[in-house]
């Protein structure tokens, strides 16, 4: 007995879905690695430990960029923070925005590559 047209279309869509999923995972990993390199280049470098700490980890179907050496200071450097000196005077440290621009580039680049790949 031959397969119904609905069943055949379903099989084609399933195989297409798997292909898109595999391509998008590969593109996600590529873009994440490029983002980590851009962050290494654009991060503040007092001792170099923070800048060299950017890495990529795979979580499920996504790739995540994170700082493995100094994760606790990413927000403090990106946005600045309150400080208190030895005399009790308060102020703010200057912000060093370096993550947001790379994040925006990475999102746009991922979307562009997925559209081109499909």
PDB file of N, CA and C in Angstrom:
ATOM      1  N   UNK A   1       0.835  -1.181   0.000  1.00  0.00           N
ATOM      2  CA  UNK A   1       0.000   0.000   0.000  1.00  0.00           C
ATOM      3  C   UNK A   1       0.884   1.251   0.000  1.00  0.00           C
ATOM      4  N   UNK A   2       0.554   2.254  -0.779  1.00  0.00           N
ATOM      5  CA  UNK A   2       1.351   3.478  -0.843  1.00  0.00           C
ATOM      6  C   UNK A   2       1.031   4.390   0.335  1.00  0.00           C
ATOM      7  N   UNK A   3       2.008   5.206   0.679  1.00  0.00           N
ATOM      8  CA  UNK A   3       1.836   6.141   1.790  1.00  0.00           C
ATOM      9  C   UNK A   3       0.971   7.308   1.350  1.00  0.00           C
ATOM     10  N   UNK A   4       0.188   7.822   2.282  1.00  0.00           N
ATOM     11  CA  UNK A   4      -0.658   8.968   1.953  1.00  0.00           C
ATOM     12  C   UNK A   4       0.206  10.211   1.748  1.00  0.00           C
ATOM     13  N   UNK A   5      -0.325  11.161   1.036  1.00  0.00           N
ATOM     14  CA  UNK A   5       0.397  12.394   0.745  1.00  0.00           C
ATOM     15  C   UNK A   5       0.706  13.153   2.038  1.00  0.00           C
ATOM     16  N   UNK A   6      -0.212  13.109   3.000  1.00  0.00           N
ATOM     17  CA  UNK A   6       0.003  13.785   4.277  1.00  0.00           C
ATOM     18  C   UNK A   6       1.206  13.180   5.009  1.00  0.00           C
ATOM     19  N   UNK A   7       1.311  11.867   4.974  1.00  0.00           N
ATOM     20  CA  UNK A   7       2.414  11.172   5.632  1.00  0.00           C
ATOM     21  C   UNK A   7       3.741  11.521   4.957  1.00  0.00           C
ATOM     22  N   UNK A   8       3.746  11.559   3.624  1.00  0.00           N
ATOM     23  CA  UNK A   8       4.962  11.896   2.883  1.00  0.00           C
ATOM     24  C   UNK A   8       5.408  13.334   3.164  1.00  0.00           C
ATOM     25  N   UNK A   9       4.452  14.266   3.202  1.00  0.00           N
ATOM     26  CA  UNK A   9       4.774  15.667   3.515  1.00  0.00           C
ATOM     27  C   UNK A   9       5.320  15.767   4.940  1.00  0.00           C
ATOM     28  N   UNK A  10       4.713  15.016   5.838  1.00  0.00           N
ATOM     29  CA  UNK A  10       5.193  15.001   7.228  1.00  0.00           C
ATOM     30  C   UNK A  10       6.629  14.518   7.329  1.00  0.00           C
ATOM     31  N   UNK A  11       6.975  13.465   6.572  1.00  0.00           N
ATOM     32  CA  UNK A  11       8.351  12.952   6.575  1.00  0.00           C
ATOM     33  C   UNK A  11       9.333  13.990   6.022  1.00  0.00           C
ATOM     34  N   UNK A  12       8.933  14.663   4.948  1.00  0.00           N
ATOM     35  CA  UNK A  12       9.791  15.696   4.348  1.00  0.00           C
ATOM     36  C   UNK A  12      10.013  16.836   5.334  1.00  0.00           C
ATOM     37  N   UNK A  13       8.949  17.286   5.983  1.00  0.00           N
ATOM     38  CA  UNK A  13       9.077  18.382   6.953  1.00  0.00           C
ATOM     39  C   UNK A  13       9.923  17.972   8.165  1.00  0.00           C
ATOM     40  N   UNK A  14       9.789  16.726   8.602  1.00  0.00           N
ATOM     41  CA  UNK A  14      10.603  16.239   9.722  1.00  0.00           C
ATOM     42  C   UNK A  14      12.083  16.234   9.362  1.00  0.00           C
ATOM     43  N   UNK A  15      12.410  15.766   8.169  1.00  0.00           N
ATOM     44  CA  UNK A  15      13.817  15.737   7.761  1.00  0.00           C
ATOM     45  C   UNK A  15      14.350  17.157   7.581  1.00  0.00           C
ATOM     46  N   UNK A  16      13.524  18.062   7.043  1.00  0.00           N
ATOM     47  CA  UNK A  16      13.922  19.458   6.887  1.00  0.00           C
ATOM     48  C   UNK A  16      14.155  20.089   8.256  1.00  0.00           C
ATOM     49  N   UNK A  17      13.278  19.779   9.209  1.00  0.00           N
ATOM     50  CA  UNK A  17      13.396  20.314  10.564  1.00  0.00           C
ATOM     51  C   UNK A  17      14.707  19.872  11.217  1.00  0.00           C
ATOM     52  N   UNK A  18      15.065  18.611  11.052  1.00  0.00           N
ATOM     53  CA  UNK A  18      16.316  18.099  11.614  1.00  0.00           C
ATOM     54  C   UNK A  18      17.528  18.771  10.975  1.00  0.00           C
ATOM     55  N   UNK A  19      17.455  19.013   9.663  1.00  0.00           N
ATOM     56  CA  UNK A  19      18.550  19.676   8.953  1.00  0.00           C
ATOM     57  C   UNK A  19      18.712  21.120   9.449  1.00  0.00           C
ATOM     58  N   UNK A  20      17.605  21.821   9.608  1.00  0.00           N
ATOM     59  CA  UNK A  20      17.641  23.207  10.098  1.00  0.00           C
ATOM     60  C   UNK A  20      18.188  23.236  11.521  1.00  0.00           C
ATOM     61  N   UNK A  21      17.763  22.304  12.334  1.00  0.00           N
ATOM     62  CA  UNK A  21      18.227  22.226  13.725  1.00  0.00           C
ATOM     63  C   UNK A  21      19.742  21.998  13.780  1.00  0.00           C
ATOM     64  N   UNK A  22      20.245  21.093  12.973  1.00  0.00           N
ATOM     65  CA  UNK A  22      21.683  20.804  12.955  1.00  0.00           C
ATOM     66  C   UNK A  22      22.478  22.005  12.458  1.00  0.00           C
ATOM     67  N   UNK A  23      21.989  22.674  11.401  1.00  0.00           N
ATOM     68  CA  UNK A  23      22.679  23.859  10.883  1.00  0.00           C
ATOM     69  C   UNK A  23      22.673  24.991  11.896  1.00  0.00           C
ATOM     70  N   UNK A  24      21.539  25.205  12.549  1.00  0.00           N
ATOM     71  CA  UNK A  24      21.455  26.314  13.505  1.00  0.00           C
ATOM     72  C   UNK A  24      22.340  26.059  14.724  1.00  0.00           C
ATOM     73  N   UNK A  25      22.473  24.808  15.147  1.00  0.00           N
ATOM     74  CA  UNK A  25      23.383  24.486  16.257  1.00  0.00           C
ATOM     75  C   UNK A  25      24.827  24.766  15.870  1.00  0.00           C
ATOM     76  N   UNK A  26      25.217  24.392  14.666  1.00  0.00           N
ATOM     77  CA  UNK A  26      26.583  24.636  14.199  1.00  0.00           C
ATOM     78  C   UNK A  26      26.852  26.127  14.078  1.00  0.00           C
ATOM     79  N   UNK A  27      25.893  26.864  13.535  1.00  0.00           N
ATOM     80  CA  UNK A  27      26.050  28.315  13.399  1.00  0.00           C
ATOM     81  C   UNK A  27      26.116  28.965  14.770  1.00  0.00           C
ATOM     82  N   UNK A  28      25.295  28.511  15.700  1.00  0.00           N
ATOM     83  CA  UNK A  28      25.309  29.048  17.066  1.00  0.00           C
ATOM     84  C   UNK A  28      26.692  28.891  17.693  1.00  0.00           C
ATOM     85  N   UNK A  29      27.290  27.740  17.515  1.00  0.00           N
ATOM     86  CA  UNK A  29      28.617  27.484  18.072  1.00  0.00           C
ATOM     87  C   UNK A  29      29.674  28.376  17.421  1.00  0.00           C
ATOM     88  N   UNK A  30      29.610  28.534  16.095  1.00  0.00           N
ATOM     89  CA  UNK A  30      30.570  29.390  15.386  1.00  0.00           C
ATOM     90  C   UNK A  30      30.473  30.839  15.852  1.00  0.00           C
ATOM     91  N   UNK A  31      29.249  31.359  15.908  1.00  0.00           N
ATOM     92  CA  UNK A  31      29.045  32.757  16.299  1.00  0.00           C
ATOM     93  C   UNK A  31      29.450  32.970  17.755  1.00  0.00           C
ATOM     94  N   UNK A  32      29.162  32.004  18.619  1.00  0.00           N
ATOM     95  CA  UNK A  32      29.546  32.125  20.025  1.00  0.00           C
ATOM     96  C   UNK A  32      31.063  32.197  20.175  1.00  0.00           C
ATOM     97  N   UNK A  33      31.782  31.382  19.409  1.00  0.00           N
ATOM     98  CA  UNK A  33      33.248  31.424  19.464  1.00  0.00           C
ATOM     99  C   UNK A  33      33.775  32.774  18.988  1.00  0.00           C
ATOM    100  N   UNK A  34      33.167  33.310  17.928  1.00  0.00           N
ATOM    101  CA  UNK A  34      33.571  34.627  17.437  1.00  0.00           C
ATOM    102  C   UNK A  34      33.262  35.719  18.463  1.00  0.00           C
ATOM    103  N   UNK A  35      32.130  35.597  19.157  1.00  0.00           N
ATOM    104  CA  UNK A  35      31.779  36.562  20.202  1.00  0.00           C
ATOM    105  C   UNK A  35      32.798  36.512  21.337  1.00  0.00           C
ATOM    106  N   UNK A  36      33.205  35.315  21.729  1.00  0.00           N
ATOM    107  CA  UNK A  36      34.198  35.180  22.794  1.00  0.00           C
ATOM    108  C   UNK A  36      35.507  35.846  22.385  1.00  0.00           C
ATOM    109  N   UNK A  37      35.906  35.688  21.134  1.00  0.00           N
ATOM    110  CA  UNK A  37      37.139  36.331  20.654  1.00  0.00           C
ATOM    111  C   UNK A  37      36.996  37.855  20.648  1.00  0.00           C
ATOM    112  N   UNK A  38      35.833  38.347  20.223  1.00  0.00           N
ATOM    113  CA  UNK A  38      35.601  39.795  20.220  1.00  0.00           C
ATOM    114  C   UNK A  38      35.622  40.336  21.654  1.00  0.00           C
ATOM    115  N   UNK A  39      35.056  39.588  22.597  1.00  0.00           N
ATOM    116  CA  UNK A  39      35.060  40.025  23.993  1.00  0.00           C
ATOM    117  C   UNK A  39      36.474  40.017  24.571  1.00  0.00           C
ATOM    118  N   UNK A  40      37.271  39.039  24.192  1.00  0.00           N
ATOM    119  CA  UNK A  40      38.662  39.018  24.649  1.00  0.00           C
ATOM    120  C   UNK A  40      39.400  40.264  24.174  1.00  0.00           C
ATOM    121  N   UNK A  41      39.088  40.706  22.959  1.00  0.00           N
ATOM    122  CA  UNK A  41      39.761  41.874  22.396  1.00  0.00           C
ATOM    123  C   UNK A  41      39.242  43.187  22.980  1.00  0.00           C
ATOM    124  N   UNK A  42      37.936  43.253  23.293  1.00  0.00           N
ATOM    125  CA  UNK A  42      37.354  44.525  23.720  1.00  0.00           C
ATOM    126  C   UNK A  42      37.209  44.687  25.235  1.00  0.00           C
ATOM    127  N   UNK A  43      37.498  43.662  26.017  1.00  0.00           N
ATOM    128  CA  UNK A  43      37.349  43.738  27.468  1.00  0.00           C
ATOM    129  C   UNK A  43      38.437  44.605  28.098  1.00  0.00           C
ATOM    130  N   UNK A  44      38.107  45.258  29.239  1.00  0.00           N
ATOM    131  CA  UNK A  44      39.130  46.014  29.956  1.00  0.00           C
ATOM    132  C   UNK A  44      40.271  45.081  30.386  1.00  0.00           C
ATOM    133  N   UNK A  45      41.500  45.589  30.307  1.00  0.00           N
ATOM    134  CA  UNK A  45      42.660  44.745  30.604  1.00  0.00           C
ATOM    135  C   UNK A  45      43.541  45.387  31.676  1.00  0.00           C
ATOM    136  N   UNK A  46      43.178  45.194  32.926  1.00  0.00           N
ATOM    137  CA  UNK A  46      44.035  45.672  34.014  1.00  0.00           C
ATOM    138  C   UNK A  46      45.175  44.673  34.220  1.00  0.00           C
ATOM    139  N   UNK A  47      44.794  43.415  34.480  1.00  0.00           N
ATOM    140  CA  UNK A  47      45.800  42.351  34.605  1.00  0.00           C
ATOM    141  C   UNK A  47      45.732  41.385  33.426  1.00  0.00           C
ATOM    142  N   UNK A  48      44.637  41.425  32.684  1.00  0.00           N
ATOM    143  CA  UNK A  48      44.458  40.533  31.543  1.00  0.00           C
ATOM    144  C   UNK A  48      43.707  39.266  31.878  1.00  0.00           C
ATOM    145  N   UNK A  49      43.511  38.987  33.165  1.00  0.00           N
ATOM    146  CA  UNK A  49      42.831  37.757  33.568  1.00  0.00           C
ATOM    147  C   UNK A  49      41.358  37.778  33.159  1.00  0.00           C
ATOM    148  N   UNK A  50      40.695  38.916  33.372  1.00  0.00           N
ATOM    149  CA  UNK A  50      39.280  39.035  33.005  1.00  0.00           C
ATOM    150  C   UNK A  50      39.108  38.875  31.494  1.00  0.00           C
ATOM    151  N   UNK A  51      39.901  39.587  30.726  1.00  0.00           N
ATOM    152  CA  UNK A  51      39.774  39.554  29.264  1.00  0.00           C
ATOM    153  C   UNK A  51      40.048  38.166  28.704  1.00  0.00           C
ATOM    154  N   UNK A  52      40.973  37.449  29.281  1.00  0.00           N
ATOM    155  CA  UNK A  52      41.310  36.119  28.766  1.00  0.00           C
ATOM    156  C   UNK A  52      40.339  35.043  29.229  1.00  0.00           C
ATOM    157  N   UNK A  53      39.404  35.389  30.106  1.00  0.00           N
ATOM    158  CA  UNK A  53      38.487  34.400  30.676  1.00  0.00           C
ATOM    159  C   UNK A  53      37.269  34.071  29.848  1.00  0.00           C
ATOM    160  N   UNK A  54      37.061  34.755  28.719  1.00  0.00           N
ATOM    161  CA  UNK A  54      35.858  34.505  27.922  1.00  0.00           C
ATOM    162  C   UNK A  54      35.932  33.136  27.247  1.00  0.00           C
ATOM    163  N   UNK A  55      34.839  32.393  27.373  1.00  0.00           N
ATOM    164  CA  UNK A  55      34.804  31.035  26.856  1.00  0.00           C
ATOM    165  C   UNK A  55      33.384  30.699  26.381  1.00  0.00           C
ATOM    166  N   UNK A  56      33.239  29.564  25.727  1.00  0.00           N
ATOM    167  CA  UNK A  56      31.949  29.110  25.212  1.00  0.00           C
ATOM    168  C   UNK A  56      31.646  27.744  25.814  1.00  0.00           C
ATOM    169  N   UNK A  57      30.404  27.565  26.234  1.00  0.00           N
ATOM    170  CA  UNK A  57      29.959  26.270  26.738  1.00  0.00           C
ATOM    171  C   UNK A  57      28.664  25.918  26.008  1.00  0.00           C
ATOM    172  N   UNK A  58      28.476  24.642  25.738  1.00  0.00           N
ATOM    173  CA  UNK A  58      27.268  24.180  25.050  1.00  0.00           C
ATOM    174  C   UNK A  58      26.253  23.762  26.100  1.00  0.00           C
ATOM    175  N   UNK A  59      25.052  24.368  26.031  1.00  0.00           N
ATOM    176  CA  UNK A  59      23.963  24.019  26.947  1.00  0.00           C
ATOM    177  C   UNK A  59      22.757  23.625  26.110  1.00  0.00           C
ATOM    178  N   UNK A  60      22.480  22.347  26.064  1.00  0.00           N
ATOM    179  CA  UNK A  60      21.381  21.868  25.228  1.00  0.00           C
ATOM    180  C   UNK A  60      21.705  22.088  23.764  1.00  0.00           C
ATOM    181  N   UNK A  61      20.852  22.826  23.085  1.00  0.00           N
ATOM    182  CA  UNK A  61      21.061  23.109  21.663  1.00  0.00           C
ATOM    183  C   UNK A  61      21.722  24.468  21.453  1.00  0.00           C
ATOM    184  N   UNK A  62      22.025  25.167  22.538  1.00  0.00           N
ATOM    185  CA  UNK A  62      22.574  26.526  22.425  1.00  0.00           C
ATOM    186  C   UNK A  62      24.019  26.562  22.901  1.00  0.00           C
ATOM    187  N   UNK A  63      24.731  27.563  22.439  1.00  0.00           N
ATOM    188  CA  UNK A  63      26.093  27.822  22.899  1.00  0.00           C
ATOM    189  C   UNK A  63      26.059  29.107  23.718  1.00  0.00           C
ATOM    190  N   UNK A  64      26.664  29.094  24.887  1.00  0.00           N
ATOM    191  CA  UNK A  64      26.623  30.225  25.803  1.00  0.00           C
ATOM    192  C   UNK A  64      28.036  30.776  25.978  1.00  0.00           C
ATOM    193  N   UNK A  65      28.153  32.096  25.856  1.00  0.00           N
ATOM    194  CA  UNK A  65      29.425  32.770  26.076  1.00  0.00           C
ATOM    195  C   UNK A  65      29.426  33.254  27.523  1.00  0.00           C
ATOM    196  N   UNK A  66      30.495  32.960  28.259  1.00  0.00           N
ATOM    197  CA  UNK A  66      30.581  33.375  29.649  1.00  0.00           C
ATOM    198  C   UNK A  66      32.038  33.612  30.008  1.00  0.00           C
ATOM    199  N   UNK A  67      32.256  34.273  31.150  1.00  0.00           N
ATOM    200  CA  UNK A  67      33.606  34.511  31.626  1.00  0.00           C
ATOM    201  C   UNK A  67      33.889  33.502  32.734  1.00  0.00           C
ATOM    202  N   UNK A  68      34.779  32.555  32.462  1.00  0.00           N
ATOM    203  CA  UNK A  68      35.025  31.479  33.422  1.00  0.00           C
ATOM    204  C   UNK A  68      35.993  31.887  34.524  1.00  0.00           C
ATOM    205  N   UNK A  69      36.780  32.935  34.323  1.00  0.00           N
ATOM    206  CA  UNK A  69      37.759  33.335  35.338  1.00  0.00           C
ATOM    207  C   UNK A  69      37.215  34.376  36.315  1.00  0.00           C
ATOM    208  N   UNK A  70      36.457  35.339  35.819  1.00  0.00           N
ATOM    209  CA  UNK A  70      35.940  36.416  36.665  1.00  0.00           C
ATOM    210  C   UNK A  70      34.467  36.699  36.349  1.00  0.00           C
ATOM    211  N   UNK A  71      33.579  35.720  36.518  1.00  0.00           N
ATOM    212  CA  UNK A  71      32.176  35.949  36.146  1.00  0.00           C
ATOM    213  C   UNK A  71      31.479  36.977  37.024  1.00  0.00           C
ATOM    214  N   UNK A  72      31.962  37.178  38.238  1.00  0.00           N
ATOM    215  CA  UNK A  72      31.294  38.065  39.176  1.00  0.00           C
ATOM    216  C   UNK A  72      31.456  39.545  38.845  1.00  0.00           C
ATOM    217  N   UNK A  73      32.375  39.900  37.946  1.00  0.00           N
ATOM    218  CA  UNK A  73      32.585  41.325  37.686  1.00  0.00           C
ATOM    219  C   UNK A  73      32.103  41.781  36.312  1.00  0.00           C
ATOM    220  N   UNK A  74      31.458  40.912  35.555  1.00  0.00           N
ATOM    221  CA  UNK A  74      31.021  41.315  34.211  1.00  0.00           C
ATOM    222  C   UNK A  74      30.040  42.481  34.286  1.00  0.00           C
ATOM    223  N   UNK A  75      29.037  42.393  35.150  1.00  0.00           N
ATOM    224  CA  UNK A  75      28.044  43.467  35.270  1.00  0.00           C
ATOM    225  C   UNK A  75      28.675  44.727  35.850  1.00  0.00           C
ATOM    226  N   UNK A  76      29.576  44.569  36.808  1.00  0.00           N
ATOM    227  CA  UNK A  76      30.213  45.733  37.431  1.00  0.00           C
ATOM    228  C   UNK A  76      31.024  46.524  36.413  1.00  0.00           C
ATOM    229  N   UNK A  77      31.736  45.829  35.540  1.00  0.00           N
ATOM    230  CA  UNK A  77      32.518  46.516  34.517  1.00  0.00           C
ATOM    231  C   UNK A  77      31.630  47.083  33.410  1.00  0.00           C
ATOM    232  N   UNK A  78      30.615  46.365  33.035  1.00  0.00           N
ATOM    233  CA  UNK A  78      29.740  46.797  31.936  1.00  0.00           C
ATOM    234  C   UNK A  78      28.974  48.074  32.284  1.00  0.00           C
ATOM    235  N   UNK A  79      28.465  48.158  33.516  1.00  0.00           N
ATOM    236  CA  UNK A  79      27.586  49.266  33.884  1.00  0.00           C
ATOM    237  C   UNK A  79      28.177  50.220  34.927  1.00  0.00           C
ATOM    238  N   UNK A  80      29.317  49.896  35.516  1.00  0.00           N
ATOM    239  CA  UNK A  80      29.844  50.699  36.613  1.00  0.00           C
ATOM    240  C   UNK A  80      29.134  50.313  37.895  1.00  0.00           C
ATOM    241  N   UNK A  81      29.629  50.814  39.032  1.00  0.00           N
ATOM    242  CA  UNK A  81      28.994  50.484  40.305  1.00  0.00           C
ATOM    243  C   UNK A  81      29.364  51.530  41.345  1.00  0.00           C
ATOM    244  N   UNK A  82      28.616  51.535  42.435  1.00  0.00           N
ATOM    245  CA  UNK A  82      28.877  52.474  43.521  1.00  0.00           C
ATOM    246  C   UNK A  82      30.160  52.071  44.229  1.00  0.00           C
ATOM    247  N   UNK A  83      30.872  53.071  44.723  1.00  0.00           N
ATOM    248  CA  UNK A  83      32.086  52.789  45.477  1.00  0.00           C
ATOM    249  C   UNK A  83      32.163  53.726  46.678  1.00  0.00           C
ATOM    250  N   UNK A  84      32.939  53.324  47.634  1.00  0.00           N
ATOM    251  CA  UNK A  84      33.144  54.124  48.841  1.00  0.00           C
ATOM    252  C   UNK A  84      34.638  54.129  49.111  1.00  0.00           C
ATOM    253  N   UNK A  85      35.209  55.306  49.275  1.00  0.00           N
ATOM    254  CA  UNK A  85      36.638  55.357  49.539  1.00  0.00           C
ATOM    255  C   UNK A  85      36.908  55.327  51.037  1.00  0.00           C
ATOM    256  N   UNK A  86      38.160  55.445  51.430  1.00  0.00           N
ATOM    257  CA  UNK A  86      38.551  55.324  52.837  1.00  0.00           C
ATOM    258  C   UNK A  86      38.024  56.453  53.712  1.00  0.00           C
ATOM    259  N   UNK A  87      37.607  57.555  53.105  1.00  0.00           N
ATOM    260  CA  UNK A  87      37.110  58.699  53.871  1.00  0.00           C
ATOM    261  C   UNK A  87      35.592  58.721  53.951  1.00  0.00           C
ATOM    262  N   UNK A  88      34.949  57.751  53.392  1.00  0.00           N
ATOM    263  CA  UNK A  88      33.501  57.655  53.445  1.00  0.00           C
ATOM    264  C   UNK A  88      32.789  58.365  52.308  1.00  0.00           C
ATOM    265  N   UNK A  89      33.523  58.902  51.369  1.00  0.00           N
ATOM    266  CA  UNK A  89      32.896  59.561  50.236  1.00  0.00           C
ATOM    267  C   UNK A  89      32.407  58.513  49.238  1.00  0.00           C
ATOM    268  N   UNK A  90      31.259  58.773  48.685  1.00  0.00           N
ATOM    269  CA  UNK A  90      30.677  57.831  47.746  1.00  0.00           C
ATOM    270  C   UNK A  90      30.845  58.354  46.323  1.00  0.00           C
ATOM    271  N   UNK A  91      30.755  57.462  45.397  1.00  0.00           N
ATOM    272  CA  UNK A  91      30.847  57.824  43.995  1.00  0.00           C
ATOM    273  C   UNK A  91      30.518  56.624  43.129  1.00  0.00           C
ATOM    274  N   UNK A  92      30.768  56.790  41.869  1.00  0.00           N
ATOM    275  CA  UNK A  92      30.524  55.704  40.925  1.00  0.00           C
ATOM    276  C   UNK A  92      31.796  55.425  40.143  1.00  0.00           C
ATOM    277  N   UNK A  93      32.044  54.155  39.895  1.00  0.00           N
ATOM    278  CA  UNK A  93      33.160  53.801  39.024  1.00  0.00           C
ATOM    279  C   UNK A  93      32.678  53.984  37.587  1.00  0.00           C
ATOM    280  N   UNK A  94      33.572  54.278  36.684  1.00  0.00           N
ATOM    281  CA  UNK A  94      33.135  54.450  35.297  1.00  0.00           C
ATOM    282  C   UNK A  94      32.735  53.104  34.676  1.00  0.00           C
ATOM    283  N   UNK A  95      31.745  53.163  33.816  1.00  0.00           N
ATOM    284  CA  UNK A  95      31.316  51.959  33.093  1.00  0.00           C
ATOM    285  C   UNK A  95      32.277  51.711  31.935  1.00  0.00           C
ATOM    286  N   UNK A  96      32.506  50.451  31.642  1.00  0.00           N
ATOM    287  CA  UNK A  96      33.323  50.038  30.493  1.00  0.00           C
ATOM    288  C   UNK A  96      32.463  49.127  29.623  1.00  0.00           C
ATOM    289  N   UNK A  97      31.516  49.707  28.855  1.00  0.00           N
ATOM    290  CA  UNK A  97      30.622  48.857  28.060  1.00  0.00           C
ATOM    291  C   UNK A  97      31.394  48.092  26.987  1.00  0.00           C
ATOM    292  N   UNK A  98      31.325  46.786  27.074  1.00  0.00           N
ATOM    293  CA  UNK A  98      32.028  45.935  26.113  1.00  0.00           C
ATOM    294  C   UNK A  98      31.223  44.688  25.756  1.00  0.00           C
ATOM    295  N   UNK A  99      30.208  44.369  26.543  1.00  0.00           N
ATOM    296  CA  UNK A  99      29.435  43.149  26.315  1.00  0.00           C
ATOM    297  C   UNK A  99      28.239  43.403  25.396  1.00  0.00           C
ATOM    298  N   UNK A 100      27.521  44.485  25.609  1.00  0.00           N
ATOM    299  CA  UNK A 100      26.287  44.764  24.874  1.00  0.00           C
ATOM    300  C   UNK A 100      26.512  44.832  23.362  1.00  0.00           C
ATOM    301  N   UNK A 101      27.568  45.502  22.939  1.00  0.00           N
ATOM    302  CA  UNK A 101      27.821  45.631  21.502  1.00  0.00           C
ATOM    303  C   UNK A 101      28.129  44.277  20.863  1.00  0.00           C
ATOM    304  N   UNK A 102      28.856  43.438  21.570  1.00  0.00           N
ATOM    305  CA  UNK A 102      29.176  42.101  21.053  1.00  0.00           C
ATOM    306  C   UNK A 102      27.916  41.233  21.039  1.00  0.00           C
ATOM    307  N   UNK A 103      27.083  41.387  22.056  1.00  0.00           N
ATOM    308  CA  UNK A 103      25.823  40.636  22.102  1.00  0.00           C
ATOM    309  C   UNK A 103      24.933  41.010  20.914  1.00  0.00           C
ATOM    310  N   UNK A 104      24.801  42.304  20.645  1.00  0.00           N
ATOM    311  CA  UNK A 104      23.978  42.750  19.520  1.00  0.00           C
ATOM    312  C   UNK A 104      24.539  42.238  18.196  1.00  0.00           C
ATOM    313  N   UNK A 105      25.868  42.308  18.039  1.00  0.00           N
ATOM    314  CA  UNK A 105      26.491  41.795  16.822  1.00  0.00           C
ATOM    315  C   UNK A 105      26.220  40.297  16.681  1.00  0.00           C
ATOM    316  N   UNK A 106      26.387  39.548  17.770  1.00  0.00           N
ATOM    317  CA  UNK A 106      26.199  38.100  17.744  1.00  0.00           C
ATOM    318  C   UNK A 106      24.778  37.705  17.375  1.00  0.00           C
ATOM    319  N   UNK A 107      23.792  38.398  17.922  1.00  0.00           N
ATOM    320  CA  UNK A 107      22.389  38.089  17.597  1.00  0.00           C
ATOM    321  C   UNK A 107      22.103  38.352  16.122  1.00  0.00           C
ATOM    322  N   UNK A 108      22.551  39.513  15.628  1.00  0.00           N
ATOM    323  CA  UNK A 108      22.320  39.851  14.216  1.00  0.00           C
ATOM    324  C   UNK A 108      23.064  38.884  13.291  1.00  0.00           C
ATOM    325  N   UNK A 109      24.284  38.534  13.652  1.00  0.00           N
ATOM    326  CA  UNK A 109      25.097  37.635  12.822  1.00  0.00           C
ATOM    327  C   UNK A 109      24.492  36.224  12.798  1.00  0.00           C
ATOM    328  N   UNK A 110      24.028  35.745  13.949  1.00  0.00           N
ATOM    329  CA  UNK A 110      23.393  34.429  14.008  1.00  0.00           C
ATOM    330  C   UNK A 110      22.156  34.396  13.110  1.00  0.00           C
ATOM    331  N   UNK A 111      21.324  35.417  13.228  1.00  0.00           N
ATOM    332  CA  UNK A 111      20.104  35.484  12.417  1.00  0.00           C
ATOM    333  C   UNK A 111      20.440  35.524  10.924  1.00  0.00           C
ATOM    334  N   UNK A 112      21.438  36.324  10.551  1.00  0.00           N
ATOM    335  CA  UNK A 112      21.820  36.440   9.146  1.00  0.00           C
ATOM    336  C   UNK A 112      22.335  35.095   8.605  1.00  0.00           C
ATOM    337  N   UNK A 113      23.194  34.440   9.386  1.00  0.00           N
ATOM    338  CA  UNK A 113      23.766  33.168   8.932  1.00  0.00           C
ATOM    339  C   UNK A 113      22.729  32.059   8.834  1.00  0.00           C
ATOM    340  N   UNK A 114      21.776  32.055   9.766  1.00  0.00           N
ATOM    341  CA  UNK A 114      20.720  31.029   9.705  1.00  0.00           C
ATOM    342  C   UNK A 114      19.851  31.257   8.468  1.00  0.00           C
ATOM    343  N   UNK A 115      19.511  32.520   8.194  1.00  0.00           N
ATOM    344  CA  UNK A 115      18.708  32.819   6.996  1.00  0.00           C
ATOM    345  C   UNK A 115      19.455  32.426   5.733  1.00  0.00           C
ATOM    346  N   UNK A 116      20.759  32.720   5.690  1.00  0.00           N
ATOM    347  CA  UNK A 116      21.575  32.364   4.512  1.00  0.00           C
ATOM    348  C   UNK A 116      21.740  30.846   4.386  1.00  0.00           C
ATOM    349  N   UNK A 117      21.828  30.155   5.521  1.00  0.00           N
ATOM    350  CA  UNK A 117      22.050  28.711   5.500  1.00  0.00           C
ATOM    351  C   UNK A 117      20.832  27.905   5.140  1.00  0.00           C
ATOM    352  N   UNK A 118      19.672  28.490   5.301  1.00  0.00           N
ATOM    353  CA  UNK A 118      18.424  27.767   4.999  1.00  0.00           C
ATOM    354  C   UNK A 118      17.961  28.187   3.654  1.00  0.00           C
TER     355      UNK A 118
END
